[in-house]
PDB file of N, CA and C in Angstrom:
ATOM      1  N   MET A   1     131.018 143.702 150.903  1.00  0.00           N
ATOM      2  CA  MET A   1     132.250 142.946 151.031  1.00  0.00           C
ATOM      3  C   MET A   1     133.406 143.745 150.429  1.00  0.00           C
ATOM      4  N   ASP A   2     134.551 143.660 151.070  1.00  0.00           N
ATOM      5  CA  ASP A   2     135.726 144.388 150.610  1.00  0.00           C
ATOM      6  C   ASP A   2     136.302 143.773 149.343  1.00  0.00           C
ATOM      7  N   ARG A   3     136.922 144.631 148.546  1.00  0.00           N
ATOM      8  CA  ARG A   3     137.588 144.180 147.333  1.00  0.00           C
ATOM      9  C   ARG A   3     138.857 143.438 147.727  1.00  0.00           C
ATOM     10  N   LEU A   4     139.154 142.321 147.063  1.00  0.00           N
ATOM     11  CA  LEU A   4     140.321 141.509 147.378  1.00  0.00           C
ATOM     12  C   LEU A   4     141.416 141.744 146.338  1.00  0.00           C
ATOM     13  N   VAL A   5     142.648 141.853 146.799  1.00  0.00           N
ATOM     14  CA  VAL A   5     143.808 142.055 145.932  1.00  0.00           C
ATOM     15  C   VAL A   5     144.468 140.700 145.705  1.00  0.00           C
ATOM     16  N   THR A   6     144.695 140.351 144.436  1.00  0.00           N
ATOM     17  CA  THR A   6     145.301 139.069 144.077  1.00  0.00           C
ATOM     18  C   THR A   6     146.806 139.221 143.866  1.00  0.00           C
ATOM     19  N   VAL A   7     147.474 138.088 143.645  1.00  0.00           N
ATOM     20  CA  VAL A   7     148.914 138.086 143.407  1.00  0.00           C
ATOM     21  C   VAL A   7     149.228 138.836 142.115  1.00  0.00           C
ATOM     22  N   LYS A   8     148.436 138.606 141.083  1.00  0.00           N
ATOM     23  CA  LYS A   8     148.666 139.263 139.798  1.00  0.00           C
ATOM     24  C   LYS A   8     148.551 140.784 139.929  1.00  0.00           C
ATOM     25  N   GLU A   9     147.528 141.257 140.641  1.00  0.00           N
ATOM     26  CA  GLU A   9     147.355 142.696 140.841  1.00  0.00           C
ATOM     27  C   GLU A   9     148.505 143.293 141.645  1.00  0.00           C
ATOM     28  N   MET A  10     148.966 142.565 142.656  1.00  0.00           N
ATOM     29  CA  MET A  10     150.070 143.049 143.483  1.00  0.00           C
ATOM     30  C   MET A  10     151.360 143.120 142.660  1.00  0.00           C
ATOM     31  N   ALA A  11     151.595 142.135 141.797  1.00  0.00           N
ATOM     32  CA  ALA A  11     152.787 142.137 140.950  1.00  0.00           C
ATOM     33  C   ALA A  11     152.745 143.296 139.961  1.00  0.00           C
ATOM     34  N   GLU A  12     151.573 143.581 139.404  1.00  0.00           N
ATOM     35  CA  GLU A  12     151.443 144.707 138.478  1.00  0.00           C
ATOM     36  C   GLU A  12     151.610 146.040 139.203  1.00  0.00           C
ATOM     37  N   ARG A  13     151.087 146.119 140.407  1.00  0.00           N
ATOM     38  CA  ARG A  13     151.131 147.363 141.174  1.00  0.00           C
ATOM     39  C   ARG A  13     152.560 147.771 141.523  1.00  0.00           C
ATOM     40  N   TYR A  14     153.396 146.788 141.906  1.00  0.00           N
ATOM     41  CA  TYR A  14     154.760 147.067 142.327  1.00  0.00           C
ATOM     42  C   TYR A  14     155.807 146.713 141.286  1.00  0.00           C
ATOM     43  N   GLY A  15     155.403 146.122 140.166  1.00  0.00           N
ATOM     44  CA  GLY A  15     156.354 145.763 139.115  1.00  0.00           C
ATOM     45  C   GLY A  15     157.351 144.724 139.571  1.00  0.00           C
ATOM     46  N   CYS A  16     156.862 143.727 140.295  1.00  0.00           N
ATOM     47  CA  CYS A  16     157.741 142.692 140.828  1.00  0.00           C
ATOM     48  C   CYS A  16     157.303 141.327 140.304  1.00  0.00           C
ATOM     49  N   SER A  17     158.052 140.292 140.655  1.00  0.00           N
ATOM     50  CA  SER A  17     157.711 138.937 140.231  1.00  0.00           C
ATOM     51  C   SER A  17     156.574 138.377 141.093  1.00  0.00           C
ATOM     52  N   ASN A  18     156.010 137.276 140.648  1.00  0.00           N
ATOM     53  CA  ASN A  18     154.918 136.655 141.402  1.00  0.00           C
ATOM     54  C   ASN A  18     155.353 136.159 142.785  1.00  0.00           C
ATOM     55  N   PRO A  19     156.546 135.524 142.930  1.00  0.00           N
ATOM     56  CA  PRO A  19     156.953 135.120 144.288  1.00  0.00           C
ATOM     57  C   PRO A  19     157.095 136.306 145.248  1.00  0.00           C
ATOM     58  N   THR A  20     157.598 137.430 144.745  1.00  0.00           N
ATOM     59  CA  THR A  20     157.721 138.613 145.591  1.00  0.00           C
ATOM     60  C   THR A  20     156.349 139.160 145.950  1.00  0.00           C
ATOM     61  N   ALA A  21     155.428 139.152 144.987  1.00  0.00           N
ATOM     62  CA  ALA A  21     154.061 139.611 145.257  1.00  0.00           C
ATOM     63  C   ALA A  21     153.394 138.716 146.300  1.00  0.00           C
ATOM     64  N   ARG A  22     153.656 137.414 146.253  1.00  0.00           N
ATOM     65  CA  ARG A  22     153.111 136.490 147.269  1.00  0.00           C
ATOM     66  C   ARG A  22     153.675 136.823 148.643  1.00  0.00           C
ATOM     67  N   LYS A  23     154.979 137.123 148.691  1.00  0.00           N
ATOM     68  CA  LYS A  23     155.612 137.479 149.965  1.00  0.00           C
ATOM     69  C   LYS A  23     154.965 138.739 150.542  1.00  0.00           C
ATOM     70  N   TYR A  24     154.730 139.735 149.689  1.00  0.00           N
ATOM     71  CA  TYR A  24     154.099 140.973 150.132  1.00  0.00           C
ATOM     72  C   TYR A  24     152.683 140.719 150.654  1.00  0.00           C
ATOM     73  N   LEU A  25     151.917 139.879 149.954  1.00  0.00           N
ATOM     74  CA  LEU A  25     150.542 139.593 150.388  1.00  0.00           C
ATOM     75  C   LEU A  25     150.530 138.844 151.716  1.00  0.00           C
ATOM     76  N   ARG A  26     151.499 137.980 151.924  1.00  0.00           N
ATOM     77  CA  ARG A  26     151.546 137.253 153.197  1.00  0.00           C
ATOM     78  C   ARG A  26     151.923 138.156 154.361  1.00  0.00           C
ATOM     79  N   GLN A  27     152.562 139.293 154.079  1.00  0.00           N
ATOM     80  CA  GLN A  27     152.901 140.243 155.136  1.00  0.00           C
ATOM     81  C   GLN A  27     151.688 141.058 155.577  1.00  0.00           C
ATOM     82  N   CYS A  28     150.640 141.098 154.750  1.00  0.00           N
ATOM     83  CA  CYS A  28     149.398 141.773 155.154  1.00  0.00           C
ATOM     84  C   CYS A  28     148.754 140.923 156.235  1.00  0.00           C
ATOM     85  N   VAL A  29     148.335 141.563 157.311  1.00  0.00           N
ATOM     86  CA  VAL A  29     147.892 140.816 158.488  1.00  0.00           C
ATOM     87  C   VAL A  29     146.716 139.881 158.187  1.00  0.00           C
ATOM     88  N   PRO A  30     145.552 140.340 157.762  1.00  0.00           N
ATOM     89  CA  PRO A  30     144.537 139.360 157.395  1.00  0.00           C
ATOM     90  C   PRO A  30     144.654 139.034 155.911  1.00  0.00           C
ATOM     91  N   HIS A  31     144.971 137.779 155.595  1.00  0.00           N
ATOM     92  CA  HIS A  31     145.004 137.341 154.208  1.00  0.00           C
ATOM     93  C   HIS A  31     144.485 135.905 154.126  1.00  0.00           C
ATOM     94  N   LEU A  32     144.069 135.511 152.947  1.00  0.00           N
ATOM     95  CA  LEU A  32     143.591 134.154 152.711  1.00  0.00           C
ATOM     96  C   LEU A  32     144.637 133.412 151.891  1.00  0.00           C
ATOM     97  N   GLU A  33     144.830 132.131 152.149  1.00  0.00           N
ATOM     98  CA  GLU A  33     145.893 131.375 151.507  1.00  0.00           C
ATOM     99  C   GLU A  33     145.473 130.669 150.215  1.00  0.00           C
ATOM    100  N   ASP A  34     144.262 130.194 150.091  1.00  0.00           N
ATOM    101  CA  ASP A  34     143.908 129.417 148.903  1.00  0.00           C
ATOM    102  C   ASP A  34     142.641 129.953 148.283  1.00  0.00           C
ATOM    103  N   PRO A  35     142.655 130.805 147.302  1.00  0.00           N
ATOM    104  CA  PRO A  35     143.802 131.448 146.650  1.00  0.00           C
ATOM    105  C   PRO A  35     144.354 132.568 147.517  1.00  0.00           C
ATOM    106  N   LEU A  36     145.607 132.922 147.272  1.00  0.00           N
ATOM    107  CA  LEU A  36     146.279 133.947 148.074  1.00  0.00           C
ATOM    108  C   LEU A  36     145.740 135.325 147.705  1.00  0.00           C
ATOM    109  N   VAL A  37     144.956 135.908 148.605  1.00  0.00           N
ATOM    110  CA  VAL A  37     144.376 137.236 148.424  1.00  0.00           C
ATOM    111  C   VAL A  37     144.367 137.950 149.773  1.00  0.00           C
ATOM    112  N   ALA A  38     144.254 139.277 149.701  1.00  0.00           N
ATOM    113  CA  ALA A  38     144.148 140.095 150.916  1.00  0.00           C
ATOM    114  C   ALA A  38     143.169 141.222 150.645  1.00  0.00           C
ATOM    115  N   PRO A  39     142.430 141.667 151.659  1.00  0.00           N
ATOM    116  CA  PRO A  39     141.524 142.798 151.462  1.00  0.00           C
ATOM    117  C   PRO A  39     142.312 144.058 151.100  1.00  0.00           C
ATOM    118  N   GLU A  40     141.690 144.918 150.319  1.00  0.00           N
ATOM    119  CA  GLU A  40     142.365 146.135 149.862  1.00  0.00           C
ATOM    120  C   GLU A  40     142.763 147.027 151.035  1.00  0.00           C
ATOM    121  N   TRP A  41     141.938 147.095 152.075  1.00  0.00           N
ATOM    122  CA  TRP A  41     142.273 147.935 153.228  1.00  0.00           C
ATOM    123  C   TRP A  41     143.502 147.413 153.953  1.00  0.00           C
ATOM    124  N   ALA A  42     143.706 146.082 153.960  1.00  0.00           N
ATOM    125  CA  ALA A  42     144.882 145.512 154.614  1.00  0.00           C
ATOM    126  C   ALA A  42     146.149 145.846 153.831  1.00  0.00           C
ATOM    127  N   VAL A  43     146.032 145.859 152.494  1.00  0.00           N
ATOM    128  CA  VAL A  43     147.175 146.222 151.653  1.00  0.00           C
ATOM    129  C   VAL A  43     147.534 147.686 151.877  1.00  0.00           C
ATOM    130  N   LYS A  44     146.529 148.552 152.004  1.00  0.00           N
ATOM    131  CA  LYS A  44     146.798 149.971 152.259  1.00  0.00           C
ATOM    132  C   LYS A  44     147.472 150.162 153.617  1.00  0.00           C
ATOM    133  N   GLU A  45     147.025 149.438 154.633  1.00  0.00           N
ATOM    134  CA  GLU A  45     147.661 149.525 155.954  1.00  0.00           C
ATOM    135  C   GLU A  45     149.102 149.035 155.901  1.00  0.00           C
ATOM    136  N   TRP A  46     149.347 147.962 155.131  1.00  0.00           N
ATOM    137  CA  TRP A  46     150.699 147.427 154.979  1.00  0.00           C
ATOM    138  C   TRP A  46     151.599 148.466 154.304  1.00  0.00           C
ATOM    139  N   GLU A  47     151.080 149.130 153.263  1.00  0.00           N
ATOM    140  CA  GLU A  47     151.845 150.169 152.573  1.00  0.00           C
ATOM    141  C   GLU A  47     152.173 151.316 153.525  1.00  0.00           C
ATOM    142  N   GLU A  48     151.193 151.757 154.306  1.00  0.00           N
ATOM    143  CA  GLU A  48     151.408 152.861 155.234  1.00  0.00           C
ATOM    144  C   GLU A  48     152.424 152.511 156.317  1.00  0.00           C
ATOM    145  N   SER A  49     152.463 151.238 156.720  1.00  0.00           N
ATOM    146  CA  SER A  49     153.422 150.840 157.746  1.00  0.00           C
ATOM    147  C   SER A  49     154.848 150.847 157.213  1.00  0.00           C
ATOM    148  N   ARG A  50     155.004 150.773 155.890  1.00  0.00           N
ATOM    149  CA  ARG A  50     156.333 150.765 155.278  1.00  0.00           C
ATOM    150  C   ARG A  50     156.810 152.154 154.868  1.00  0.00           C
ATOM    151  N   MET A  51     155.978 153.178 155.036  1.00  0.00           N
ATOM    152  CA  MET A  51     156.369 154.534 154.635  1.00  0.00           C
ATOM    153  C   MET A  51     157.381 155.114 155.610  1.00  0.00           C
ATOM    154  N   VAL A  52     158.323 155.890 155.064  1.00  0.00           N
ATOM    155  CA  VAL A  52     159.375 156.521 155.854  1.00  0.00           C
ATOM    156  C   VAL A  52     159.356 158.011 155.544  1.00  0.00           C
ATOM    157  N   VAL A  53     159.555 158.832 156.555  1.00  0.00           N
ATOM    158  CA  VAL A  53     159.601 160.279 156.375  1.00  0.00           C
ATOM    159  C   VAL A  53     160.948 160.643 155.756  1.00  0.00           C
ATOM    160  N   PRO A  54     160.980 161.404 154.653  1.00  0.00           N
ATOM    161  CA  PRO A  54     162.253 161.795 154.038  1.00  0.00           C
ATOM    162  C   PRO A  54     163.115 162.630 154.984  1.00  0.00           C
ATOM    163  N   ALA A  55     164.422 162.517 154.860  1.00  0.00           N
ATOM    164  CA  ALA A  55     165.340 163.207 155.754  1.00  0.00           C
ATOM    165  C   ALA A  55     165.464 164.690 155.439  1.00  0.00           C
ATOM    166  N   GLU A  56     165.169 165.120 154.212  1.00  0.00           N
ATOM    167  CA  GLU A  56     165.406 166.504 153.836  1.00  0.00           C
ATOM    168  C   GLU A  56     164.261 167.460 154.176  1.00  0.00           C
ATOM    169  N   ILE A  57     163.205 167.006 154.825  1.00  0.00           N
ATOM    170  CA  ILE A  57     162.136 167.926 155.201  1.00  0.00           C
ATOM    171  C   ILE A  57     162.382 168.466 156.609  1.00  0.00           C
ATOM    172  N   SER A  58     161.709 169.547 156.943  1.00  0.00           N
ATOM    173  CA  SER A  58     161.931 170.188 158.237  1.00  0.00           C
ATOM    174  C   SER A  58     161.387 169.325 159.378  1.00  0.00           C
ATOM    175  N   ARG A  59     161.879 169.576 160.560  1.00  0.00           N
ATOM    176  CA  ARG A  59     161.456 168.806 161.742  1.00  0.00           C
ATOM    177  C   ARG A  59     159.973 169.034 162.028  1.00  0.00           C
ATOM    178  N   LYS A  60     159.517 170.276 161.837  1.00  0.00           N
ATOM    179  CA  LYS A  60     158.111 170.594 162.094  1.00  0.00           C
ATOM    180  C   LYS A  60     157.198 169.803 161.157  1.00  0.00           C
ATOM    181  N   LYS A  61     157.555 169.752 159.882  1.00  0.00           N
ATOM    182  CA  LYS A  61     156.756 169.011 158.900  1.00  0.00           C
ATOM    183  C   LYS A  61     156.779 167.514 159.210  1.00  0.00           C
ATOM    184  N   ALA A  62     157.940 166.998 159.623  1.00  0.00           N
ATOM    185  CA  ALA A  62     158.048 165.579 159.971  1.00  0.00           C
ATOM    186  C   ALA A  62     157.151 165.248 161.160  1.00  0.00           C
ATOM    187  N   LEU A  63     157.086 166.144 162.151  1.00  0.00           N
ATOM    188  CA  LEU A  63     156.218 165.912 163.302  1.00  0.00           C
ATOM    189  C   LEU A  63     154.749 165.919 162.901  1.00  0.00           C
ATOM    190  N   GLU A  64     154.373 166.782 161.953  1.00  0.00           N
ATOM    191  CA  GLU A  64     152.987 166.794 161.469  1.00  0.00           C
ATOM    192  C   GLU A  64     152.632 165.481 160.789  1.00  0.00           C
ATOM    193  N   ILE A  65     153.553 164.974 159.979  1.00  0.00           N
ATOM    194  CA  ILE A  65     153.303 163.720 159.254  1.00  0.00           C
ATOM    195  C   ILE A  65     153.182 162.557 160.219  1.00  0.00           C
ATOM    196  N   THR A  66     154.137 162.434 161.140  1.00  0.00           N
ATOM    197  CA  THR A  66     154.097 161.310 162.068  1.00  0.00           C
ATOM    198  C   THR A  66     152.947 161.425 163.055  1.00  0.00           C
ATOM    199  N   HIS A  67     152.555 162.647 163.393  1.00  0.00           N
ATOM    200  CA  HIS A  67     151.430 162.828 164.308  1.00  0.00           C
ATOM    201  C   HIS A  67     150.131 162.313 163.676  1.00  0.00           C
ATOM    202  N   ARG A  68     149.958 162.539 162.391  1.00  0.00           N
ATOM    203  CA  ARG A  68     148.745 162.076 161.715  1.00  0.00           C
ATOM    204  C   ARG A  68     148.716 160.561 161.574  1.00  0.00           C
ATOM    205  N   THR A  69     149.881 159.935 161.313  1.00  0.00           N
ATOM    206  CA  THR A  69     149.893 158.495 161.070  1.00  0.00           C
ATOM    207  C   THR A  69     149.944 157.676 162.350  1.00  0.00           C
ATOM    208  N   ASN A  70     150.482 158.227 163.447  1.00  0.00           N
ATOM    209  CA  ASN A  70     150.574 157.488 164.702  1.00  0.00           C
ATOM    210  C   ASN A  70     149.321 157.722 165.524  1.00  0.00           C
ATOM    211  N   ALA A  71     148.360 156.846 165.375  1.00  0.00           N
ATOM    212  CA  ALA A  71     147.136 156.968 166.150  1.00  0.00           C
ATOM    213  C   ALA A  71     147.060 155.899 167.230  1.00  0.00           C
ATOM    214  N   GLY A  72     148.034 155.007 167.242  1.00  0.00           N
ATOM    215  CA  GLY A  72     148.009 153.901 168.190  1.00  0.00           C
ATOM    216  C   GLY A  72     148.735 154.212 169.483  1.00  0.00           C
ATOM    217  N   ARG A  73     149.083 153.173 170.182  1.00  0.00           N
ATOM    218  CA  ARG A  73     149.736 153.274 171.480  1.00  0.00           C
ATOM    219  C   ARG A  73     151.185 153.712 171.305  1.00  0.00           C
ATOM    220  N   ILE A  74     151.648 154.592 172.172  1.00  0.00           N
ATOM    221  CA  ILE A  74     153.017 155.079 172.102  1.00  0.00           C
ATOM    222  C   ILE A  74     153.811 154.371 173.184  1.00  0.00           C
ATOM    223  N   ILE A  75     154.930 153.759 172.785  1.00  0.00           N
ATOM    224  CA  ILE A  75     155.795 153.059 173.726  1.00  0.00           C
ATOM    225  C   ILE A  75     157.079 153.865 173.860  1.00  0.00           C
ATOM    226  N   VAL A  76     157.374 154.289 175.092  1.00  0.00           N
ATOM    227  CA  VAL A  76     158.573 155.072 175.371  1.00  0.00           C
ATOM    228  C   VAL A  76     159.616 154.133 175.961  1.00  0.00           C
ATOM    229  N   PRO A  77     160.788 154.015 175.291  1.00  0.00           N
ATOM    230  CA  PRO A  77     161.817 153.124 175.842  1.00  0.00           C
ATOM    231  C   PRO A  77     162.413 153.692 177.115  1.00  0.00           C
ATOM    232  N   ARG A  78     162.644 152.853 178.092  1.00  0.00           N
ATOM    233  CA  ARG A  78     163.231 153.269 179.361  1.00  0.00           C
ATOM    234  C   ARG A  78     164.593 152.581 179.503  1.00  0.00           C
ATOM    235  N   HIS A  79     165.597 153.374 179.866  1.00  0.00           N
ATOM    236  CA  HIS A  79     166.936 152.832 180.084  1.00  0.00           C
ATOM    237  C   HIS A  79     167.197 152.788 181.576  1.00  0.00           C
ATOM    238  N   ARG A  80     167.641 151.662 182.048  1.00  0.00           N
ATOM    239  CA  ARG A  80     167.937 151.510 183.480  1.00  0.00           C
ATOM    240  C   ARG A  80     169.363 151.098 183.665  1.00  0.00           C
TER     241      ARG A  80
END
């Protein structure tokens, strides 16, 4: 069974208040409400989805980073 992250652990991890930690846990896709917990892998996925590539790195390095993290479906916007 996966390790579950609680509100207290989330608040300590990010140095935020308990209501903010609850908000963060509810943003994790699979979570349980009573008590409010989420699997550790879901918290890691949530963190990775919030990561942004810094602007001061080279374009080649940015493409390497995004290439590794984007393993899902690619949607190309079309203008008509």
